[in-house]
N, C-alpha and C. Protein backbone atom coordinates (compact mmCIF):
# COMPACT_ATOMS: atom_id res chain seq x y z
N MET A 1 122.99 45.32 22.17
CA MET A 1 124.49 45.37 20.98
C MET A 1 125.81 46.14 21.24
N PRO A 2 126.21 45.56 21.21
CA PRO A 2 127.74 45.76 21.55
C PRO A 2 128.21 46.84 20.06
N GLU A 3 128.98 48.06 20.84
CA GLU A 3 129.49 49.15 20.05
C GLU A 3 130.81 48.58 18.81
N ALA A 4 130.38 48.71 17.73
CA ALA A 4 131.26 48.29 17.06
C ALA A 4 131.85 48.92 16.28
N ASP A 5 133.40 49.23 15.83
CA ASP A 5 134.31 50.48 15.17
C ASP A 5 133.54 50.45 13.82
N CYS A 6 132.88 49.50 13.32
CA CYS A 6 132.24 50.04 12.53
C CYS A 6 131.14 50.53 11.95
N CYS A 7 130.42 50.84 12.77
CA CYS A 7 129.19 51.53 13.03
C CYS A 7 129.01 52.39 14.02
N VAL A 8 128.26 53.18 13.17
CA VAL A 8 127.23 54.67 13.73
C VAL A 8 125.56 54.48 15.13
N ARG A 9 126.38 54.20 15.94
CA ARG A 9 125.14 53.99 16.49
C ARG A 9 123.81 55.42 16.43
N GLY A 10 123.17 54.62 16.02
CA GLY A 10 121.94 55.86 15.96
C GLY A 10 120.79 55.54 17.20
N GLU A 11 119.81 56.02 16.87
CA GLU A 11 118.79 56.20 18.82
C GLU A 11 117.77 56.52 18.86
N ILE A 12 116.66 56.23 18.82
CA ILE A 12 114.78 55.73 18.97
C ILE A 12 115.21 56.71 20.57
N LYS A 13 114.47 58.72 20.29
CA LYS A 13 114.21 58.45 21.21
C LYS A 13 113.36 58.85 21.53
N GLN A 14 112.27 57.98 20.66
CA GLN A 14 110.55 58.33 21.67
C GLN A 14 110.19 57.00 20.51
N SER A 15 109.27 56.47 21.12
CA SER A 15 108.48 55.85 20.57
C SER A 15 107.22 55.93 20.85
N LEU A 16 105.48 55.60 20.07
CA LEU A 16 104.25 55.62 20.98
C LEU A 16 103.73 54.25 20.68
N TYR A 17 103.02 53.66 20.75
CA TYR A 17 102.04 52.61 20.30
C TYR A 17 100.40 52.80 20.26
N THR A 18 100.01 52.95 19.95
CA THR A 18 98.51 52.99 20.18
C THR A 18 97.96 51.94 19.57
N LEU A 19 96.77 51.07 20.96
CA LEU A 19 96.06 50.19 19.82
C LEU A 19 94.78 50.65 20.74
N THR A 20 93.60 49.98 19.20
CA THR A 20 92.51 50.89 19.47
C THR A 20 91.13 49.50 19.14
N SER A 21 90.67 48.91 19.91
CA SER A 21 89.91 47.93 19.63
C SER A 21 88.90 48.67 18.55
N THR A 22 88.13 47.38 17.24
CA THR A 22 87.23 47.80 16.44
C THR A 22 86.68 46.90 16.18
N ASP A 23 85.31 47.18 15.42
CA ASP A 23 84.65 46.18 14.83
C ASP A 23 84.37 45.63 16.16
N ASN A 24 83.72 45.64 17.55
CA ASN A 24 83.35 45.18 18.67
C ASN A 24 84.21 44.09 19.24
N GLY A 25 85.36 44.93 19.07
CA GLY A 25 86.31 44.35 20.01
C GLY A 25 87.24 42.80 19.33
N THR A 26 86.56 43.02 17.71
CA THR A 26 87.37 41.81 17.44
C THR A 26 88.46 41.63 16.10
N LYS A 27 88.25 43.45 16.01
CA LYS A 27 89.87 43.65 15.37
C LYS A 27 90.64 45.21 16.20
N THR A 28 91.64 44.55 16.18
CA THR A 28 92.86 46.02 16.65
C THR A 28 93.59 47.19 15.87
N HIS A 29 93.29 48.40 16.20
CA HIS A 29 93.80 48.95 15.05
C HIS A 29 95.09 49.74 15.28
N LEU A 30 96.40 49.19 14.96
CA LEU A 30 97.69 49.32 15.43
C LEU A 30 98.26 50.86 14.63
N THR A 31 98.36 51.72 15.31
CA THR A 31 99.40 53.42 15.26
C THR A 31 100.48 53.26 16.12
N VAL A 32 102.06 53.28 15.05
CA VAL A 32 103.31 53.08 16.02
C VAL A 32 103.52 54.87 15.68
N GLU A 33 103.88 55.49 16.42
CA GLU A 33 105.14 56.79 16.19
C GLU A 33 106.34 56.40 16.67
N ILE A 34 107.55 57.19 15.97
CA ILE A 34 108.43 56.50 15.92
C ILE A 34 109.61 57.88 15.84
N ASN A 35 110.44 58.19 17.05
CA ASN A 35 110.52 59.94 16.38
C ASN A 35 112.11 58.96 16.71
N ALA A 36 113.48 59.42 16.13
CA ALA A 36 114.41 58.69 15.61
C ALA A 36 115.78 59.42 15.04
N ASP A 37 117.22 59.21 15.47
CA ASP A 37 118.02 60.01 14.54
C ASP A 37 118.92 58.99 14.43
N PRO A 38 119.28 58.72 13.29
CA PRO A 38 119.90 57.67 12.09
C PRO A 38 121.48 58.01 12.95
N ARG A 39 121.50 58.90 13.21
CA ARG A 39 123.10 59.47 12.95
C ARG A 39 123.95 59.16 12.36
N GLY A 40 125.45 59.81 12.27
CA GLY A 40 126.42 59.71 11.06
C GLY A 40 126.07 60.24 9.88
N ALA A 41 126.90 59.83 8.58
CA ALA A 41 126.56 60.62 7.13
C ALA A 41 125.48 59.41 6.24
N ILE A 42 123.99 59.66 6.93
CA ILE A 42 123.17 59.18 6.70
C ILE A 42 123.20 60.40 4.91
N PRO A 43 122.86 60.14 3.86
CA PRO A 43 122.24 61.09 3.11
C PRO A 43 120.67 61.18 3.61
N LYS A 44 119.91 61.70 3.74
CA LYS A 44 118.85 62.28 4.00
C LYS A 44 117.60 61.07 2.82
N PHE A 45 117.95 61.20 2.01
CA PHE A 45 117.41 60.47 0.79
C PHE A 45 117.27 59.14 1.20
N LEU A 46 118.49 58.35 1.61
CA LEU A 46 118.82 57.04 1.88
C LEU A 46 118.07 56.72 3.45
N ALA A 47 117.82 57.68 4.26
CA ALA A 47 117.17 57.68 5.79
C ALA A 47 115.79 58.15 5.11
N ASN A 48 115.37 58.73 4.05
CA ASN A 48 113.78 59.09 3.77
C ASN A 48 113.42 57.50 3.08
N ILE A 49 114.46 56.56 2.05
CA ILE A 49 114.01 55.46 2.03
C ILE A 49 113.43 54.83 2.96
N PHE A 50 114.45 54.77 4.45
CA PHE A 50 113.98 53.16 5.38
C PHE A 50 112.60 53.31 6.23
N GLN A 51 112.42 55.36 5.98
CA GLN A 51 111.15 55.24 6.66
C GLN A 51 110.02 55.11 6.21
N LYS A 52 110.63 54.82 4.77
CA LYS A 52 108.64 54.43 4.18
C LYS A 52 108.54 52.81 3.96
N SER A 53 109.81 52.45 4.51
CA SER A 53 109.68 50.75 4.49
C SER A 53 109.64 50.21 5.85
N TRP A 54 110.19 50.60 6.55
CA TRP A 54 109.76 49.67 8.39
C TRP A 54 108.48 50.16 8.54
N PRO A 55 107.74 50.81 8.39
CA PRO A 55 106.40 50.73 8.82
C PRO A 55 105.99 49.11 8.32
N ARG A 56 105.80 49.16 7.11
CA ARG A 56 105.00 47.95 6.67
C ARG A 56 105.46 46.52 7.04
N LYS A 57 107.24 46.86 7.14
CA LYS A 57 107.68 45.03 7.46
C LYS A 57 107.43 45.40 8.58
N THR A 58 107.96 45.66 9.67
CA THR A 58 107.76 45.88 11.18
C THR A 58 105.50 45.24 11.52
N LEU A 59 105.21 46.05 10.67
CA LEU A 59 104.20 46.11 10.95
C LEU A 59 103.68 44.21 11.06
N ARG A 60 104.35 43.78 9.40
CA ARG A 60 103.85 42.69 9.02
C ARG A 60 103.80 41.98 9.90
N GLY A 61 105.74 41.69 10.49
CA GLY A 61 106.08 41.23 11.39
C GLY A 61 105.20 40.89 11.87
N VAL A 62 105.20 42.12 12.82
CA VAL A 62 103.84 42.01 14.06
C VAL A 62 102.69 41.26 14.00
N MET A 63 101.94 41.35 12.65
CA MET A 63 100.93 40.74 12.82
C MET A 63 100.97 39.11 12.34
N ARG A 64 102.34 38.58 11.86
CA ARG A 64 102.62 37.35 11.75
C ARG A 64 103.13 36.56 12.91
N GLN A 65 103.84 37.69 14.18
CA GLN A 65 103.56 36.84 15.11
C GLN A 65 102.87 36.53 16.13
N VAL A 66 102.16 37.50 16.42
CA VAL A 66 100.31 37.42 17.08
C VAL A 66 99.15 36.19 16.16
N GLN A 67 99.19 36.14 15.21
CA GLN A 67 98.79 35.38 14.31
C GLN A 67 99.37 33.48 14.64
N LYS A 68 100.23 33.24 15.33
CA LYS A 68 100.98 32.24 15.46
C LYS A 68 100.11 31.34 16.93
N PRO A 69 99.81 29.94 17.11
CA PRO A 69 99.42 29.61 18.20
C PRO A 69 99.33 29.30 19.14
N ASP A 70 100.81 29.40 19.63
CA ASP A 70 101.28 29.64 20.83
C ASP A 70 101.50 31.05 21.30
N VAL A 71 101.08 32.20 20.79
CA VAL A 71 101.39 33.27 21.67
C VAL A 71 99.86 33.74 22.60
N ARG A 72 100.31 33.79 23.29
CA ARG A 72 99.07 34.44 24.63
C ARG A 72 99.50 35.96 24.58
N PRO A 73 98.15 36.52 24.77
CA PRO A 73 98.42 37.65 25.90
C PRO A 73 98.96 37.45 26.87
N LEU A 74 99.77 38.40 27.22
CA LEU A 74 100.30 38.92 28.18
C LEU A 74 100.21 39.04 29.71
N LYS A 75 99.97 38.78 30.70
CA LYS A 75 99.17 39.10 32.08
C LYS A 75 98.54 40.71 32.01
N ILE A 76 99.62 41.38 32.01
CA ILE A 76 99.68 42.90 31.37
C ILE A 76 98.28 43.17 30.99
N ILE A 77 97.87 42.66 29.59
CA ILE A 77 97.02 42.54 28.65
C ILE A 77 95.67 42.30 29.14
N GLU A 78 96.09 41.16 30.06
CA GLU A 78 94.56 40.47 30.52
C GLU A 78 94.27 41.63 31.70
N ASP A 79 95.08 41.89 32.17
CA ASP A 79 94.58 42.48 33.73
C ASP A 79 93.93 44.14 32.69
N TYR A 80 94.17 44.30 31.71
CA TYR A 80 93.75 46.13 31.50
C TYR A 80 92.49 45.41 31.18
N PHE A 81 91.61 44.39 30.23
CA PHE A 81 90.81 44.33 29.50
C PHE A 81 89.86 43.54 31.06
N ALA A 82 90.43 43.25 31.90
CA ALA A 82 89.67 42.80 32.81
C ALA A 82 89.14 43.61 34.20
N GLY A 83 89.65 45.10 33.59
CA GLY A 83 89.20 46.42 34.64
C GLY A 83 90.23 46.45 35.76
N LYS A 84 91.18 45.63 35.54
CA LYS A 84 92.77 46.10 37.03
C LYS A 84 93.52 47.49 36.27
N SER A 85 93.59 47.73 37.34
CA SER A 85 94.63 48.90 37.29
C SER A 85 96.22 48.19 37.27
N VAL A 86 96.78 49.15 35.79
CA VAL A 86 97.91 48.82 35.18
C VAL A 86 99.05 49.70 34.33
N PRO A 87 100.09 50.01 35.55
CA PRO A 87 101.15 50.87 35.30
C PRO A 87 101.31 51.08 33.92
N GLY A 88 101.34 52.52 33.53
CA GLY A 88 101.93 52.63 32.40
C GLY A 88 100.79 53.05 30.97
N ILE A 89 99.38 52.34 31.56
CA ILE A 89 97.91 52.85 30.58
C ILE A 89 97.55 54.36 30.92
N ASP A 90 98.01 55.40 29.92
CA ASP A 90 97.44 56.64 30.55
C ASP A 90 96.17 57.14 30.66
N ALA A 91 95.41 56.18 29.70
CA ALA A 91 93.54 56.18 29.28
C ALA A 91 93.30 54.98 28.22
N PRO A 92 91.85 55.18 28.86
CA PRO A 92 91.24 53.91 28.20
C PRO A 92 92.08 52.83 26.71
N GLY A 93 92.84 52.00 26.61
CA GLY A 93 93.32 51.31 24.79
C GLY A 93 94.77 52.13 25.10
N VAL A 94 95.26 53.24 25.49
CA VAL A 94 96.36 53.76 25.13
C VAL A 94 97.57 53.21 26.36
N VAL A 95 98.81 52.80 25.34
CA VAL A 95 99.70 51.92 25.94
C VAL A 95 100.99 52.92 26.05
N LYS A 96 101.39 53.56 27.33
CA LYS A 96 102.47 54.06 26.04
C LYS A 96 103.99 53.82 26.55
N THR A 97 105.01 53.62 25.99
CA THR A 97 106.30 52.82 26.08
C THR A 97 107.57 53.84 25.84
N SER A 98 108.56 53.51 26.66
CA SER A 98 109.10 54.65 25.95
C SER A 98 110.49 53.94 25.40
N SER A 99 111.53 54.26 24.52
CA SER A 99 112.85 53.78 24.28
C SER A 99 113.95 53.96 24.12
N LYS A 100 113.89 54.58 25.44
CA LYS A 100 115.27 55.51 25.68
C LYS A 100 116.65 54.55 25.57
N ASP A 101 116.67 53.06 25.81
CA ASP A 101 117.66 52.30 25.67
C ASP A 101 117.38 51.68 24.28
N ALA A 102 116.98 52.34 23.19
CA ALA A 102 116.73 51.12 21.81
C ALA A 102 117.87 51.85 21.28
N SER A 103 118.20 51.12 20.54
CA SER A 103 119.26 51.49 19.24
C SER A 103 119.08 50.52 18.21
N VAL A 104 119.76 51.67 16.81
CA VAL A 104 119.35 51.21 15.60
C VAL A 104 121.29 51.18 15.46
N SER A 105 122.16 50.23 14.59
CA SER A 105 122.95 50.56 13.85
C SER A 105 122.76 51.15 12.70
N SER A 106 124.21 51.90 11.73
CA SER A 106 123.86 51.96 10.11
C SER A 106 125.98 51.64 10.32
N SER A 107 125.79 51.37 8.62
CA SER A 107 127.62 51.12 8.74
C SER A 107 127.92 52.50 8.40
N LYS A 108 129.12 52.54 8.35
CA LYS A 108 130.08 54.17 8.59
C LYS A 108 130.41 54.68 6.96
């Protein structure tokens, strides 16, 4: 997203998505950890309101997307479950991603 004079860019410093198979492979437990700095003059109470609401909204959106009939597993996921070596996976079932380039915006 291009920078704009009306906004202050926040920064996602680190994110971790952990997917764990449950119920004999019929379900997946997703844990998300995000370390972000909203920057700017945002009152703490406002930042805390956002922190409480984003997980539910985001994860519901993920669930809606993966339930669509045209959604297919990525090759990297198929390779992982086929037992092939996959870059970026430190341990079985743990995929680490880096979000150094990700950003969010908020009004000044």
